[in-house]
């Protein structure tokens, strides 16, 4: 027996209510037959000119609509709050959970049978997936795609070069005029970052989870095949509604394990951890921080893409895209995991081809045998911290040094270039109060720029530790997401300059060489430096945000509310 369409609870009604639902929609020039039992497909669009990565989404939505119409569906496009990573202050991460609420309530409250999620810039992908999971109607993701590779003075450049350019300007190796020239040369087409930053990592994440059609992650935004994939996704979502294929059918434990392994193989962003944990919390899969270490331990780096490698997302597409990487991993992946194609992971990628082994390596001859996310434990991070070893320096993977502590981001900015800062290349930079509660919002400042006087000596990396995040485009020996954060009052809150810290990445250890007794004494006089969050959403966020090792979602958003609306509006 065919399942009743959810939208019939609106458009199939008789009398006054049905009249109102249909009549006001008809002011858009929609003929009556559109309301006669066609699947209504929402297109959840994060288009915004304030989100440059997603500024082409109105055009992309038209391709999705064509596919929906061809399949006999009724497309309805709707906007939700959009997060532009490059512009939003104080940090886009503060609003990820808010957007997920916008998405969840927009889907549940309206007459849609399935939804296409148009997302690209970093936080838009996890936010839309989190919201859709909480409603759990048929959903498919279409990413916006990476921008074309930048070119500057005969060299290919991407977002990871921003950090190099910044250091070069600070040391006088690059002029402001040259920086302006590079600025005009980097973002030369529509799309998100051209490297394996967080946006590309999120696009790979949803493909690895099985929420997209194969090949979604790497097609450049400017390539006409991005529109073709969008149209096919429109076709497929109508079929998914007929099959009642929902996120809960795809997002099994096996799918999450696959995503962790794929993220390791591509050198994906450390932000992947915090977003995947949040998605798992919405769909009801028991995922822990330790799982990221466990399931990536034996996965080598296969994708030679910046910042862990040499090339760019555009190159990955020409080399075979994510399906080529996943085919190499079939010996590790849960091959029978079901996807939105209606087929398994094996069915989707077993015929994939690699066209360039310099860009997509084999498991026998990887780019780097070390990859993934390593979870650190110790008294400096009682609930864990993470490091991305493929982006770190080998000589610092085991290191002890004296802490140089910055109490907050303002303290860091005020003192990092001071000539009298007591720091040398063996020191460990520690930045507090940039976690979910402490900032608030957990900004991407963990890959602190090094002191100018050390850059002048030729130092290019140091161990850096924070309770915040770093951009997926960043690199270095950077320890992130120390939990509990300083604002929550754990041991990280009371580390002091001059304390000795030992890092041993391969042994998963991060130790503060201070006795338990001394730590307890310090906590007696500790006072939180968190600012008063004031009113509105920020106040709600600070009172309800969970710690980073749990995904930094709001505690009351865990789980699913479902798609049922129990009361009519008229």
Protein backbone atom coordinates (compact mmCIF):
# COMPACT_ATOMS: atom_id res chain seq x y z
CA UNK A 1 0.00 0.00 0.00
CA UNK A 2 1.46 3.36 -1.07
CA UNK A 3 2.25 5.67 1.83
CA UNK A 4 0.12 8.82 2.14
CA UNK A 5 2.12 11.92 1.26
CA UNK A 6 2.80 14.18 4.21
CA UNK A 7 1.81 17.23 2.13
CA UNK A 8 -1.73 15.88 1.78
CA UNK A 9 -2.23 16.98 5.38
CA UNK A 10 -2.26 20.47 3.89
CA UNK A 11 -3.21 20.39 0.21
CA UNK A 12 -5.52 17.36 0.40
CA UNK A 13 -7.84 18.90 2.98
CA UNK A 14 -11.46 19.76 2.25
CA UNK A 15 -13.33 22.85 3.37
CA UNK A 16 -11.93 26.10 4.70
CA UNK A 17 -8.47 24.82 5.65
CA UNK A 18 -7.77 23.23 2.28
CA UNK A 19 -9.11 26.32 0.55
CA UNK A 20 -6.66 28.55 2.42
CA UNK A 21 -3.65 26.27 1.94
CA UNK A 22 -4.19 25.98 -1.82
CA UNK A 23 -5.61 29.42 -2.64
CA UNK A 24 -2.72 31.42 -1.27
CA UNK A 25 -0.16 29.17 -2.99
CA UNK A 26 -2.06 29.74 -6.25
CA UNK A 27 -1.22 33.44 -6.17
CA UNK A 28 2.17 32.35 -7.55
CA UNK A 29 0.49 31.10 -10.73
CA UNK A 30 0.40 27.42 -9.77
CA UNK A 31 -2.31 25.41 -11.55
CA UNK A 32 -4.67 23.17 -9.58
CA UNK A 33 -3.25 19.88 -10.89
CA UNK A 34 0.04 20.58 -9.08
CA UNK A 35 -1.79 20.03 -5.79
CA UNK A 36 -3.31 16.70 -6.79
CA UNK A 37 -1.06 14.20 -5.05
CA UNK A 38 2.34 15.22 -6.39
CA UNK A 39 5.24 14.86 -3.91
CA UNK A 40 6.10 18.33 -2.61
CA UNK A 41 9.88 18.75 -2.46
CA UNK A 42 11.39 21.54 -0.43
CA UNK A 43 14.64 23.07 -1.63
CA UNK A 44 16.34 24.36 1.50
CA UNK A 45 18.54 27.15 0.17
CA UNK A 46 21.40 28.87 2.00
CA UNK A 47 21.92 31.39 -0.81
CA UNK A 48 23.16 34.75 0.39
CA UNK A 49 25.39 37.47 -0.99
CA UNK A 50 26.84 37.63 2.53
CA UNK A 51 27.91 34.00 2.09
CA UNK A 52 30.11 34.31 -1.01
CA UNK A 53 30.70 30.53 -1.15
CA UNK A 54 26.95 30.03 -1.64
CA UNK A 55 26.20 33.07 -3.83
CA UNK A 56 25.48 30.88 -6.89
CA UNK A 57 22.81 28.82 -5.19
CA UNK A 58 19.78 30.50 -6.76
CA UNK A 59 21.07 29.26 -10.10
CA UNK A 60 21.87 25.82 -8.69
CA UNK A 61 18.36 25.59 -7.24
CA UNK A 62 16.92 25.97 -10.76
CA UNK A 63 18.76 22.81 -11.80
CA UNK A 64 17.33 20.98 -8.80
CA UNK A 65 13.83 22.19 -9.73
CA UNK A 66 14.19 20.84 -13.27
CA UNK A 67 14.95 17.41 -11.91
CA UNK A 68 12.03 17.50 -9.45
CA UNK A 69 9.59 18.55 -12.19
CA UNK A 70 10.87 15.88 -14.57
CA UNK A 71 10.25 13.25 -11.91
CA UNK A 72 6.70 14.45 -11.32
CA UNK A 73 7.36 16.39 -8.12
CA UNK A 74 6.24 19.84 -6.99
CA UNK A 75 9.33 21.96 -6.07
CA UNK A 76 9.11 24.71 -3.46
CA UNK A 77 12.25 26.70 -2.63
CA UNK A 78 12.63 28.26 0.81
CA UNK A 79 15.42 30.23 2.50
CA UNK A 80 17.07 29.62 5.83
CA UNK A 81 19.71 31.62 7.66
CA UNK A 82 23.04 31.44 5.83
CA UNK A 83 26.48 31.40 7.46
CA UNK A 84 29.33 33.05 5.60
CA UNK A 85 32.49 31.86 7.34
CA UNK A 86 34.59 34.75 6.04
CA UNK A 87 32.29 37.57 7.16
CA UNK A 88 30.26 36.59 10.22
CA UNK A 89 31.38 37.93 13.59
CA UNK A 90 32.32 36.77 16.12
CA UNK A 91 32.36 33.30 14.51
CA UNK A 92 30.01 31.34 12.25
CA UNK A 93 30.19 28.39 14.64
CA UNK A 94 28.16 30.38 17.18
CA UNK A 95 25.20 30.18 14.80
CA UNK A 96 25.48 26.60 13.48
CA UNK A 97 22.96 25.37 16.03
CA UNK A 98 20.64 28.31 15.35
CA UNK A 99 20.58 27.49 11.63
CA UNK A 100 19.88 23.85 12.46
CA UNK A 101 16.83 25.02 14.42
CA UNK A 102 15.73 27.19 11.49
CA UNK A 103 16.04 24.21 9.13
CA UNK A 104 14.29 21.78 11.48
CA UNK A 105 11.32 24.03 12.12
CA UNK A 106 11.03 25.19 8.50
CA UNK A 107 10.81 21.59 7.30
CA UNK A 108 8.47 20.35 10.03
CA UNK A 109 6.07 23.31 9.86
CA UNK A 110 5.56 23.24 6.09
CA UNK A 111 3.89 20.85 3.61
CA UNK A 112 6.98 19.11 2.23
CA UNK A 113 7.40 15.38 1.62
CA UNK A 114 11.13 15.48 0.97
CA UNK A 115 13.91 18.04 1.00
CA UNK A 116 17.02 18.92 -0.99
CA UNK A 117 19.66 20.59 1.18
CA UNK A 118 21.72 23.19 -0.73
CA UNK A 119 24.85 23.82 1.31
CA UNK A 120 28.48 24.77 0.76
CA UNK A 121 30.24 27.10 3.17
CA UNK A 122 31.60 25.38 6.28
CA UNK A 123 28.77 25.48 8.81
CA UNK A 124 25.88 25.37 6.34
CA UNK A 125 26.43 21.66 5.67
CA UNK A 126 26.34 20.31 9.24
CA UNK A 127 23.61 22.79 10.20
CA UNK A 128 21.30 21.66 7.39
CA UNK A 129 22.00 17.96 7.98
CA UNK A 130 21.44 18.34 11.74
CA UNK A 131 18.10 20.05 11.16
CA UNK A 132 16.97 17.51 8.57
CA UNK A 133 17.94 14.62 10.84
CA UNK A 134 15.73 15.95 13.62
CA UNK A 135 12.71 15.89 11.29
CA UNK A 136 13.70 12.69 9.45
CA UNK A 137 11.85 12.99 6.16
CA UNK A 138 13.56 11.94 2.87
CA UNK A 139 16.56 14.25 2.38
CA UNK A 140 19.42 14.56 -0.09
CA UNK A 141 22.37 16.96 -0.02
CA UNK A 142 23.71 19.00 -2.94
CA UNK A 143 26.94 20.84 -2.22
CA UNK A 144 27.90 24.05 -3.99
CA UNK A 145 31.35 22.83 -5.01
CA UNK A 146 34.88 24.22 -4.61
CA UNK A 147 36.11 27.28 -6.47
CA UNK A 148 38.67 26.98 -9.24
CA UNK A 149 42.29 26.98 -8.13
CA UNK A 150 43.85 30.42 -7.69
CA UNK A 151 46.94 31.55 -9.61
CA UNK A 152 49.49 34.11 -8.42
CA UNK A 153 52.81 34.86 -10.13
CA UNK A 154 52.93 31.49 -11.84
CA UNK A 155 51.97 29.53 -8.72
CA UNK A 156 48.74 27.81 -7.79
CA UNK A 157 47.31 29.19 -4.56
CA UNK A 158 44.41 28.51 -2.24
CA UNK A 159 43.10 29.42 1.18
CA UNK A 160 45.92 27.62 3.01
CA UNK A 161 48.31 30.18 1.52
CA UNK A 162 46.59 32.95 3.49
CA UNK A 163 48.49 31.83 6.61
CA UNK A 164 51.79 31.80 4.69
CA UNK A 165 51.13 35.22 3.18
CA UNK A 166 50.27 36.62 6.61
CA UNK A 167 53.58 35.45 8.08
CA UNK A 168 55.46 36.75 5.03
CA UNK A 169 53.96 40.23 5.47
CA UNK A 170 54.77 40.23 9.20
CA UNK A 171 58.43 39.44 8.49
CA UNK A 172 58.72 41.87 5.58
CA UNK A 173 59.16 39.19 2.92
CA UNK A 174 55.94 40.29 1.22
CA UNK A 175 54.61 43.81 0.74
CA UNK A 176 51.05 44.96 1.26
CA UNK A 177 50.86 45.64 -2.48
CA UNK A 178 51.86 42.05 -3.26
CA UNK A 179 49.33 40.82 -0.72
CA UNK A 180 46.60 42.81 -2.51
CA UNK A 181 47.66 41.26 -5.82
CA UNK A 182 47.45 37.77 -4.32
CA UNK A 183 44.06 38.64 -2.85
CA UNK A 184 42.75 39.43 -6.33
CA UNK A 185 44.21 36.19 -7.71
CA UNK A 186 42.88 33.60 -5.28
CA UNK A 187 39.07 33.54 -5.31
CA UNK A 188 38.59 33.60 -9.06
CA UNK A 189 35.30 31.75 -9.41
CA UNK A 190 32.13 30.85 -7.55
CA UNK A 191 32.42 28.18 -4.88
CA UNK A 192 33.94 27.46 -1.49
CA UNK A 193 37.63 27.07 -0.60
CA UNK A 194 39.71 25.29 -3.22
CA UNK A 195 41.65 23.23 -0.66
CA UNK A 196 40.58 20.44 1.71
CA UNK A 197 39.35 22.97 4.23
CA UNK A 198 36.24 22.49 6.30
CA UNK A 199 33.82 23.22 3.44
CA UNK A 200 35.36 20.54 1.21
CA UNK A 201 35.70 18.20 4.17
CA UNK A 202 31.99 18.63 4.86
CA UNK A 203 31.14 17.94 1.21
CA UNK A 204 33.25 14.77 1.45
CA UNK A 205 31.61 13.93 4.77
CA UNK A 206 28.07 13.92 3.39
CA UNK A 207 29.15 11.89 0.36
CA UNK A 208 30.93 9.36 2.58
CA UNK A 209 27.86 9.17 4.83
CA UNK A 210 25.76 8.30 1.80
CA UNK A 211 23.64 11.46 1.82
CA UNK A 212 24.57 12.59 -1.73
CA UNK A 213 24.89 11.20 -5.20
CA UNK A 214 28.40 9.84 -5.94
CA UNK A 215 30.84 12.52 -7.09
CA UNK A 216 29.10 15.37 -5.28
CA UNK A 217 32.08 16.49 -3.18
CA UNK A 218 34.68 17.54 -5.74
CA UNK A 219 32.93 18.87 -8.86
CA UNK A 220 34.06 22.52 -9.13
CA UNK A 221 31.28 25.05 -8.64
CA UNK A 222 32.03 26.58 -12.05
CA UNK A 223 31.87 23.23 -13.87
CA UNK A 224 28.62 22.60 -15.76
CA UNK A 225 28.58 19.09 -14.29
CA UNK A 226 27.73 20.60 -10.90
CA UNK A 227 24.36 21.63 -12.37
CA UNK A 228 23.91 18.19 -13.88
CA UNK A 229 24.43 16.57 -10.46
CA UNK A 230 21.92 19.03 -8.97
CA UNK A 231 19.33 18.06 -11.58
CA UNK A 232 19.89 14.34 -10.97
CA UNK A 233 19.51 15.00 -7.24
CA UNK A 234 16.13 16.60 -7.95
CA UNK A 235 15.10 13.49 -9.85
CA UNK A 236 16.32 11.20 -7.09
CA UNK A 237 14.59 12.94 -4.17
CA UNK A 238 11.18 12.30 -5.74
CA UNK A 239 12.00 8.60 -5.91
CA UNK A 240 13.25 8.69 -2.32
CA UNK A 241 9.87 10.05 -1.19
CA UNK A 242 8.13 7.17 -2.97
CA UNK A 243 10.51 4.74 -1.23
CA UNK A 244 10.22 6.60 2.11
CA UNK A 245 14.03 6.52 2.30
CA UNK A 246 14.86 8.74 5.27
CA UNK A 247 18.08 9.96 6.94
CA UNK A 248 17.67 7.37 9.70
CA UNK A 249 17.84 4.62 7.05
CA UNK A 250 21.19 5.93 5.79
CA UNK A 251 22.87 7.33 8.88
CA UNK A 252 23.66 4.08 10.64
CA UNK A 253 26.69 3.39 12.83
CA UNK A 254 28.37 1.88 9.74
CA UNK A 255 27.90 5.13 7.80
CA UNK A 256 29.55 7.18 10.56
CA UNK A 257 32.51 4.82 10.69
CA UNK A 258 32.87 5.15 6.91
CA UNK A 259 32.89 8.93 7.16
CA UNK A 260 35.65 8.84 9.78
CA UNK A 261 37.80 6.59 7.59
CA UNK A 262 37.25 8.71 4.49
CA UNK A 263 38.07 11.91 6.40
CA UNK A 264 41.37 10.32 7.42
CA UNK A 265 42.21 9.33 3.85
CA UNK A 266 41.57 12.83 2.49
CA UNK A 267 43.35 14.73 5.28
CA UNK A 268 40.05 16.34 6.21
CA UNK A 269 39.47 19.20 8.62
CA UNK A 270 39.65 18.74 12.39
CA UNK A 271 36.27 20.51 12.45
CA UNK A 272 34.87 17.29 11.00
CA UNK A 273 34.99 15.86 14.54
CA UNK A 274 32.73 18.41 16.14
CA UNK A 275 30.20 18.39 13.29
CA UNK A 276 29.94 14.62 12.92
CA UNK A 277 29.43 14.25 16.67
CA UNK A 278 26.58 16.77 16.50
CA UNK A 279 24.92 14.96 13.57
CA UNK A 280 25.22 11.63 15.41
CA UNK A 281 23.54 13.18 18.43
CA UNK A 282 20.58 14.25 16.30
CA UNK A 283 20.04 10.92 14.54
CA UNK A 284 20.63 8.85 17.68
CA UNK A 285 23.90 7.07 16.87
CA UNK A 286 26.20 6.55 19.85
CA UNK A 287 29.41 8.15 18.59
CA UNK A 288 32.24 9.22 20.89
CA UNK A 289 35.40 11.23 20.50
CA UNK A 290 37.48 8.07 20.82
CA UNK A 291 35.78 6.61 17.73
CA UNK A 292 37.59 9.16 15.56
CA UNK A 293 40.94 7.79 16.68
CA UNK A 294 39.87 4.15 16.61
CA UNK A 295 38.48 4.18 13.08
CA UNK A 296 41.19 6.30 11.47
CA UNK A 297 44.26 4.67 13.06
CA UNK A 298 45.00 2.29 10.17
CA UNK A 299 43.93 4.62 7.35
CA UNK A 300 46.78 6.30 5.42
CA UNK A 301 46.58 9.65 3.65
CA UNK A 302 45.53 8.99 0.06
CA UNK A 303 44.43 12.42 -1.23
CA UNK A 304 47.34 14.73 -2.02
CA UNK A 305 45.34 17.90 -1.35
CA UNK A 306 46.34 21.01 0.62
CA UNK A 307 46.81 21.61 3.50
CA UNK A 308 48.04 18.04 4.12
CA UNK A 309 49.28 17.63 0.55
CA UNK A 310 50.15 19.58 -2.59
CA UNK A 311 47.14 19.87 -4.89
CA UNK A 312 43.61 21.31 -4.90
CA UNK A 313 39.99 20.12 -4.97
CA UNK A 314 39.72 20.84 -8.68
CA UNK A 315 42.61 18.41 -9.23
CA UNK A 316 40.90 15.78 -7.06
CA UNK A 317 37.84 15.92 -9.30
CA UNK A 318 39.88 15.42 -12.46
CA UNK A 319 41.69 12.51 -10.77
CA UNK A 320 38.43 10.67 -10.12
CA UNK A 321 36.89 12.52 -7.19
CA UNK A 322 35.90 11.02 -3.86
CA UNK A 323 34.64 7.78 -5.46
CA UNK A 324 38.24 7.05 -6.51
CA UNK A 325 39.40 7.54 -2.92
CA UNK A 326 36.59 5.41 -1.53
CA UNK A 327 37.30 2.61 -3.98
CA UNK A 328 40.85 2.47 -2.63
CA UNK A 329 39.38 2.16 0.87
CA UNK A 330 36.90 -0.62 0.12
CA UNK A 331 39.01 -3.08 2.10
CA UNK A 332 38.39 -0.91 5.18
CA UNK A 333 34.91 0.54 4.61
CA UNK A 334 31.57 -0.91 5.60
CA UNK A 335 30.74 -1.80 1.99
CA UNK A 336 27.12 -2.72 2.62
CA UNK A 337 26.18 0.65 4.12
CA UNK A 338 23.03 1.91 2.35
CA UNK A 339 22.97 5.32 0.64
CA UNK A 340 20.46 7.77 -0.86
CA UNK A 341 21.06 6.21 -4.30
CA UNK A 342 19.15 3.18 -3.04
CA UNK A 343 22.37 1.22 -3.42
CA UNK A 344 25.28 0.33 -1.16
CA UNK A 345 28.65 2.04 -0.87
CA UNK A 346 30.17 -0.85 -2.80
CA UNK A 347 27.66 -0.46 -5.63
CA UNK A 348 28.35 3.27 -5.80
CA UNK A 349 32.16 3.21 -5.98
CA UNK A 350 33.32 -0.24 -7.12
CA UNK A 351 33.57 0.90 -10.76
CA UNK A 352 35.27 4.23 -9.94
CA UNK A 353 38.56 4.95 -11.68
CA UNK A 354 41.65 6.90 -10.65
CA UNK A 355 43.20 8.99 -13.40
CA UNK A 356 46.18 10.41 -11.50
CA UNK A 357 48.07 8.46 -8.84
CA UNK A 358 49.98 11.56 -7.77
CA UNK A 359 46.71 13.01 -6.53
CA UNK A 360 44.84 9.89 -5.38
CA UNK A 361 47.36 7.37 -4.10
CA UNK A 362 46.85 3.68 -3.42
CA UNK A 363 46.77 2.19 0.07
CA UNK A 364 49.99 0.34 -0.80
CA UNK A 365 51.83 3.55 -1.68
CA UNK A 366 50.07 6.34 0.25
CA UNK A 367 50.93 10.02 0.33
CA UNK A 368 51.59 9.72 4.06
CA UNK A 369 51.18 6.65 6.30
CA UNK A 370 50.00 8.99 9.09
CA UNK A 371 46.58 10.56 8.75
CA UNK A 372 43.26 11.06 10.42
CA UNK A 373 42.46 12.59 13.77
CA UNK A 374 44.38 11.54 16.86
CA UNK A 375 42.62 11.94 20.19
CA UNK A 376 44.89 13.01 23.04
CA UNK A 377 44.29 12.28 26.71
CA UNK A 378 45.90 13.56 29.87
CA UNK A 379 45.38 15.90 32.77
CA UNK A 380 45.44 18.98 30.53
CA UNK A 381 42.36 17.72 28.67
CA UNK A 382 40.37 15.44 30.94
CA UNK A 383 37.72 14.86 28.24
CA UNK A 384 40.16 14.81 25.34
CA UNK A 385 41.73 17.01 22.68
CA UNK A 386 42.45 16.44 18.99
CA UNK A 387 45.36 16.87 16.60
CA UNK A 388 45.57 16.41 12.85
CA UNK A 389 48.94 14.65 12.39
CA UNK A 390 49.03 14.97 8.59
CA UNK A 391 49.20 18.76 8.99
CA UNK A 392 51.73 18.71 11.87
CA UNK A 393 55.54 18.76 11.94
CA UNK A 394 57.18 15.39 12.57
CA UNK A 395 59.86 16.84 14.87
CA UNK A 396 57.18 18.22 17.22
CA UNK A 397 55.04 15.10 17.51
CA UNK A 398 56.88 14.32 20.73
CA UNK A 399 57.85 17.49 22.55
CA UNK A 400 58.13 19.05 26.01
CA UNK A 401 58.31 22.76 26.65
CA UNK A 402 57.41 25.64 28.90
CA UNK A 403 53.91 27.07 28.48
CA UNK A 404 53.42 30.62 27.28
CA UNK A 405 49.82 31.25 28.30
CA UNK A 406 47.38 33.75 26.82
CA UNK A 407 44.23 34.12 28.89
CA UNK A 408 42.01 35.05 25.93
CA UNK A 409 42.23 36.16 22.31
CA UNK A 410 42.65 39.81 23.26
CA UNK A 411 45.60 38.93 25.51
CA UNK A 412 47.15 36.96 22.66
CA UNK A 413 46.78 39.79 20.15
CA UNK A 414 48.21 42.31 22.60
CA UNK A 415 51.34 40.32 23.51
CA UNK A 416 52.26 37.86 20.75
CA UNK A 417 54.60 40.27 18.95
CA UNK A 418 55.91 42.04 22.04
CA UNK A 419 59.74 42.10 21.98
CA UNK A 420 59.87 41.19 25.66
CA UNK A 421 57.60 38.14 25.38
CA UNK A 422 59.40 35.29 27.14
CA UNK A 423 59.26 32.69 24.40
CA UNK A 424 61.59 30.57 22.30
CA UNK A 425 61.15 27.86 19.68
CA UNK A 426 60.82 25.17 22.35
CA UNK A 427 57.96 26.96 24.10
CA UNK A 428 54.36 25.79 23.86
CA UNK A 429 51.76 28.47 23.12
CA UNK A 430 48.53 28.06 25.10
CA UNK A 431 45.36 30.00 24.34
CA UNK A 432 42.47 29.83 26.81
CA UNK A 433 38.84 30.92 26.75
CA UNK A 434 38.15 30.35 23.07
CA UNK A 435 35.90 27.33 23.61
CA UNK A 436 32.14 27.03 23.06
CA UNK A 437 31.18 28.94 26.22
CA UNK A 438 34.27 31.06 26.68
CA UNK A 439 34.36 32.99 23.43
CA UNK A 440 31.37 32.20 22.95
CA UNK A 441 31.09 30.10 19.80
CA UNK A 442 34.53 28.45 19.59
CA UNK A 443 36.35 30.45 16.88
CA UNK A 444 39.01 29.23 14.47
CA UNK A 445 41.98 30.80 16.24
CA UNK A 446 43.75 27.67 17.46
CA UNK A 447 46.49 27.85 14.82
CA UNK A 448 47.94 30.96 16.46
CA UNK A 449 50.38 32.96 14.36
CA UNK A 450 53.86 32.56 15.78
CA UNK A 451 55.67 35.42 17.55
CA UNK A 452 57.25 37.80 15.03
CA UNK A 453 60.67 37.52 16.65
CA UNK A 454 60.65 33.74 16.13
CA UNK A 455 59.43 34.03 12.53
CA UNK A 456 62.39 36.36 11.94
CA UNK A 457 64.69 33.57 13.17
CA UNK A 458 63.20 31.15 10.64
CA UNK A 459 60.91 29.24 13.02
CA UNK A 460 57.94 27.91 11.04
CA UNK A 461 56.07 25.78 13.58
CA UNK A 462 55.54 25.44 17.31
CA UNK A 463 53.25 23.35 19.48
CA UNK A 464 50.06 25.32 20.05
CA UNK A 465 47.22 24.28 22.35
CA UNK A 466 43.76 25.79 22.77
CA UNK A 467 40.18 24.98 23.66
CA UNK A 468 39.13 26.45 20.31
CA UNK A 469 39.17 25.29 16.70
CA UNK A 470 41.24 26.06 13.63
CA UNK A 471 40.26 26.52 10.02
CA UNK A 472 40.36 23.36 7.96
CA UNK A 473 42.69 25.29 5.67
CA UNK A 474 45.19 25.72 8.53
CA UNK A 475 48.19 23.59 9.39
CA UNK A 476 50.87 23.11 12.00
CA UNK A 477 51.34 21.16 15.24
CA UNK A 478 48.12 22.46 16.68
CA UNK A 479 46.25 20.81 19.56
CA UNK A 480 42.57 21.71 19.46
CA UNK A 481 39.25 21.29 21.28
CA UNK A 482 40.85 20.82 24.72
CA UNK A 483 37.93 19.73 26.86
CA UNK A 484 36.59 20.78 29.24
CA UNK A 485 37.31 24.30 28.07
CA UNK A 486 38.82 26.95 30.30
CA UNK A 487 35.46 28.64 30.88
CA UNK A 488 34.11 25.37 32.30
CA UNK A 489 36.76 25.29 35.00
CA UNK A 490 38.77 22.17 34.20
CA UNK A 491 42.54 21.84 34.47
CA UNK A 492 42.95 23.79 31.23
CA UNK A 493 41.56 26.82 33.06
CA UNK A 494 44.47 26.97 35.51
CA UNK A 495 47.55 26.24 33.39
CA UNK A 496 50.10 29.03 33.89
CA UNK A 497 53.05 30.42 31.97
CA UNK A 498 56.17 28.52 32.92
CA UNK A 499 54.39 25.21 33.52
CA UNK A 500 55.94 22.29 31.65
CA UNK A 501 53.72 20.49 29.14
CA UNK A 502 54.58 17.23 27.38
CA UNK A 503 53.02 16.18 24.09
CA UNK A 504 53.37 12.64 22.73
CA UNK A 505 51.09 12.31 19.71
CA UNK A 506 51.79 8.67 18.90
CA UNK A 507 51.11 7.69 22.52
CA UNK A 508 47.99 9.89 22.61
CA UNK A 509 49.27 11.88 25.58
CA UNK A 510 49.02 15.53 26.63
CA UNK A 511 50.32 16.07 30.16
CA UNK A 512 50.63 19.16 32.35
CA UNK A 513 53.46 18.56 34.83
CA UNK A 514 51.68 20.07 37.81
CA UNK A 515 50.59 18.02 40.82
CA UNK A 516 46.94 17.30 41.51
CA UNK A 517 47.31 19.16 44.80
CA UNK A 518 48.63 22.29 43.07
CA UNK A 519 45.87 22.14 40.45
CA UNK A 520 43.27 21.89 43.21
CA UNK A 521 44.78 24.91 44.99
CA UNK A 522 44.75 26.96 41.80
CA UNK A 523 41.08 26.16 41.23
CA UNK A 524 40.23 27.59 44.65
CA UNK A 525 41.12 31.06 43.41
CA UNK A 526 40.00 30.56 39.79
CA UNK A 527 37.32 32.82 38.41
CA UNK A 528 35.72 32.42 35.02
CA UNK A 529 36.74 35.05 32.47
CA UNK A 530 33.69 34.38 30.30
CA UNK A 531 31.93 37.57 29.31
CA UNK A 532 28.29 38.18 30.21
CA UNK A 533 26.40 36.77 27.20
CA UNK A 534 23.63 39.34 27.62
CA UNK A 535 20.29 38.61 25.98
CA UNK A 536 18.82 36.65 23.12
CA UNK A 537 20.34 33.74 21.25
CA UNK A 538 23.87 34.16 22.64
CA UNK A 539 22.51 33.86 26.17
CA UNK A 540 20.58 30.74 25.18
CA UNK A 541 23.70 29.31 23.52
CA UNK A 542 26.00 29.84 26.50
CA UNK A 543 23.49 28.31 28.92
CA UNK A 544 22.85 25.21 26.82
CA UNK A 545 25.89 24.49 24.62
CA UNK A 546 27.62 21.19 25.28
CA UNK A 547 31.38 20.76 25.37
CA UNK A 548 33.38 20.12 22.22
CA UNK A 549 33.91 16.41 22.87
CA UNK A 550 30.12 16.03 22.65
CA UNK A 551 29.73 18.07 19.44
CA UNK A 552 28.92 21.53 20.87
CA UNK A 553 25.24 21.16 20.08
CA UNK A 554 22.62 22.68 22.36
CA UNK A 555 21.61 20.10 24.96
CA UNK A 556 17.89 20.41 24.24
CA UNK A 557 18.37 19.73 20.51
CA UNK A 558 19.65 16.17 20.91
CA UNK A 559 17.57 13.54 19.14
CA UNK A 560 14.62 13.72 16.75
CA UNK A 561 11.28 15.46 17.12
CA UNK A 562 9.93 13.90 13.93
CA UNK A 563 7.75 15.36 11.18
CA UNK A 564 4.30 15.24 12.76
CA UNK A 565 2.47 18.53 13.33
CA UNK A 566 -0.41 17.94 15.71
CA UNK A 567 -2.33 21.21 15.32
CA UNK A 568 -3.66 23.05 12.29
CA UNK A 569 -3.24 26.79 11.87
CA UNK A 570 -6.83 27.68 11.00
